């Protein structure tokens, strides 16, 4: 019989809780850069940054 990797549960529960603010910021930066390129304006980037701040509870 072939040696195979040990089985693990099909569903591994994910961590619950809040995401670290730095992780959230790193996730939002590419979208902010894309908005800057598409709409040619700092206002859009500022709006996106403000929305992220609201989501973080600041």
N, C-alpha and C. Protein backbone atom coordinates (compact mmCIF):
# COMPACT_ATOMS: atom_id res chain seq x y z
N UNK A 1 0.85 -1.19 0.00
CA UNK A 1 0.00 0.00 0.00
C UNK A 1 0.89 1.24 0.00
N UNK A 2 0.48 2.27 -0.72
CA UNK A 2 1.27 3.49 -0.83
C UNK A 2 1.19 4.30 0.45
N UNK A 3 2.27 4.98 0.74
CA UNK A 3 2.28 5.87 1.90
C UNK A 3 1.71 7.22 1.48
N UNK A 4 0.70 7.66 2.18
CA UNK A 4 0.06 8.94 1.86
C UNK A 4 0.13 9.86 3.06
N UNK A 5 -0.14 11.11 2.83
CA UNK A 5 -0.15 12.08 3.91
C UNK A 5 -1.30 11.79 4.85
N UNK A 6 -1.10 12.07 6.13
CA UNK A 6 -2.20 11.84 7.09
C UNK A 6 -3.39 12.73 6.77
N UNK A 7 -4.56 12.23 7.05
CA UNK A 7 -5.78 12.99 6.78
C UNK A 7 -5.96 14.08 7.83
N UNK A 8 -6.60 15.13 7.39
CA UNK A 8 -6.95 16.21 8.31
C UNK A 8 -8.41 16.53 8.10
N UNK A 9 -9.03 17.21 9.03
CA UNK A 9 -10.46 17.52 8.88
C UNK A 9 -10.71 18.34 7.61
N UNK A 10 -11.84 18.08 6.98
CA UNK A 10 -12.18 18.78 5.75
C UNK A 10 -12.44 20.26 6.01
N UNK A 11 -13.00 20.56 7.16
CA UNK A 11 -13.30 21.96 7.50
C UNK A 11 -12.45 22.37 8.68
N UNK A 12 -11.58 23.32 8.46
CA UNK A 12 -10.76 23.86 9.53
C UNK A 12 -11.32 25.24 9.85
N UNK A 13 -11.81 25.45 11.07
CA UNK A 13 -12.42 26.74 11.38
C UNK A 13 -11.40 27.88 11.29
N UNK A 14 -11.86 29.01 10.76
CA UNK A 14 -11.00 30.18 10.63
C UNK A 14 -10.98 30.95 11.92
N UNK A 15 -9.94 31.74 12.07
CA UNK A 15 -9.88 32.59 13.25
C UNK A 15 -10.99 33.64 13.19
N UNK A 16 -11.51 33.94 14.33
CA UNK A 16 -12.52 35.00 14.37
C UNK A 16 -11.89 36.21 15.04
N UNK A 17 -12.47 37.33 14.84
CA UNK A 17 -11.95 38.54 15.45
C UNK A 17 -11.64 39.59 14.41
N UNK A 18 -11.00 40.63 14.87
CA UNK A 18 -10.72 41.76 13.98
C UNK A 18 -9.38 41.60 13.31
N UNK A 19 -9.30 42.15 12.13
CA UNK A 19 -8.06 42.15 11.36
C UNK A 19 -7.16 43.27 11.87
N UNK A 20 -5.88 43.05 11.87
CA UNK A 20 -4.93 44.07 12.31
C UNK A 20 -5.03 45.28 11.36
N UNK A 21 -4.98 46.49 11.88
CA UNK A 21 -5.13 47.67 11.02
C UNK A 21 -4.09 47.73 9.89
N UNK A 22 -2.88 47.26 10.14
CA UNK A 22 -1.86 47.28 9.09
C UNK A 22 -2.24 46.34 7.95
N UNK A 23 -2.82 45.19 8.28
CA UNK A 23 -3.26 44.25 7.25
C UNK A 23 -4.38 44.87 6.43
N UNK A 24 -5.31 45.51 7.09
CA UNK A 24 -6.41 46.17 6.38
C UNK A 24 -5.89 47.28 5.48
N UNK A 25 -4.91 48.01 5.95
CA UNK A 25 -4.33 49.08 5.15
C UNK A 25 -3.63 48.52 3.92
N UNK A 26 -2.87 47.44 4.11
CA UNK A 26 -2.19 46.82 2.97
C UNK A 26 -3.16 46.25 1.95
N UNK A 27 -4.33 45.83 2.42
CA UNK A 27 -5.35 45.32 1.50
C UNK A 27 -5.99 46.48 0.72
N UNK A 28 -6.11 47.64 1.34
CA UNK A 28 -6.79 48.77 0.70
C UNK A 28 -5.88 49.56 -0.23
N UNK A 29 -4.57 49.51 -0.02
CA UNK A 29 -3.67 50.32 -0.83
C UNK A 29 -3.72 50.02 -2.33
N UNK A 30 -3.75 48.75 -2.75
CA UNK A 30 -3.84 48.52 -4.20
C UNK A 30 -5.12 49.09 -4.82
N UNK A 31 -6.22 49.00 -4.11
CA UNK A 31 -7.47 49.58 -4.62
C UNK A 31 -7.37 51.10 -4.68
N UNK A 32 -6.75 51.69 -3.68
CA UNK A 32 -6.58 53.14 -3.69
C UNK A 32 -5.71 53.56 -4.86
N UNK A 33 -4.64 52.82 -5.14
CA UNK A 33 -3.77 53.15 -6.27
C UNK A 33 -4.54 53.00 -7.59
N UNK A 34 -5.34 51.97 -7.70
CA UNK A 34 -6.14 51.77 -8.90
C UNK A 34 -7.13 52.92 -9.10
N UNK A 35 -7.78 53.33 -8.03
CA UNK A 35 -8.71 54.45 -8.13
C UNK A 35 -7.99 55.72 -8.54
N UNK A 36 -6.78 55.91 -8.04
CA UNK A 36 -6.00 57.09 -8.41
C UNK A 36 -5.71 57.08 -9.90
N UNK A 37 -5.35 55.92 -10.43
CA UNK A 37 -5.05 55.83 -11.86
C UNK A 37 -6.30 55.98 -12.72
N UNK A 38 -7.40 55.38 -12.30
CA UNK A 38 -8.62 55.39 -13.11
C UNK A 38 -9.29 56.75 -13.10
N UNK A 39 -9.38 57.37 -11.93
CA UNK A 39 -10.14 58.62 -11.81
C UNK A 39 -9.26 59.86 -11.76
N UNK A 40 -7.95 59.70 -11.79
CA UNK A 40 -7.02 60.84 -11.82
C UNK A 40 -7.31 61.88 -10.74
N UNK A 41 -7.40 61.46 -9.51
CA UNK A 41 -7.64 62.46 -8.49
C UNK A 41 -7.33 61.96 -7.09
N UNK A 42 -6.78 62.87 -6.29
CA UNK A 42 -6.49 62.53 -4.90
C UNK A 42 -7.75 62.44 -4.06
N UNK A 43 -8.83 63.07 -4.54
CA UNK A 43 -10.08 63.05 -3.78
C UNK A 43 -10.59 61.62 -3.62
N UNK A 44 -10.46 60.84 -4.67
CA UNK A 44 -10.92 59.45 -4.62
C UNK A 44 -10.08 58.64 -3.64
N UNK A 45 -8.78 58.88 -3.66
CA UNK A 45 -7.90 58.17 -2.73
C UNK A 45 -8.22 58.58 -1.30
N UNK A 46 -8.46 59.85 -1.09
CA UNK A 46 -8.79 60.33 0.26
C UNK A 46 -10.11 59.73 0.73
N UNK A 47 -11.08 59.63 -0.17
CA UNK A 47 -12.37 59.03 0.17
C UNK A 47 -12.20 57.57 0.56
N UNK A 48 -11.39 56.85 -0.22
CA UNK A 48 -11.15 55.43 0.07
C UNK A 48 -10.45 55.27 1.42
N UNK A 49 -9.46 56.11 1.67
CA UNK A 49 -8.74 56.04 2.95
C UNK A 49 -9.68 56.36 4.11
N UNK A 50 -10.56 57.31 3.89
CA UNK A 50 -11.54 57.65 4.93
C UNK A 50 -12.48 56.48 5.19
N UNK A 51 -12.90 55.80 4.14
CA UNK A 51 -13.79 54.65 4.30
C UNK A 51 -13.10 53.54 5.08
N UNK A 52 -11.83 53.31 4.79
CA UNK A 52 -11.08 52.29 5.53
C UNK A 52 -10.98 52.69 7.00
N UNK A 53 -10.74 53.95 7.26
CA UNK A 53 -10.68 54.43 8.63
C UNK A 53 -11.99 54.22 9.37
N UNK A 54 -13.10 54.44 8.68
CA UNK A 54 -14.41 54.21 9.29
C UNK A 54 -14.61 52.74 9.60
N UNK A 55 -14.19 51.88 8.65
CA UNK A 55 -14.33 50.44 8.88
C UNK A 55 -13.48 49.97 10.06
N UNK A 56 -12.34 50.63 10.26
CA UNK A 56 -11.47 50.27 11.39
C UNK A 56 -11.96 50.86 12.69
N UNK A 57 -12.97 51.72 12.62
CA UNK A 57 -13.53 52.29 13.82
C UNK A 57 -12.77 53.49 14.32
N UNK A 58 -12.15 54.22 13.44
CA UNK A 58 -11.37 55.39 13.85
C UNK A 58 -12.13 56.66 13.56
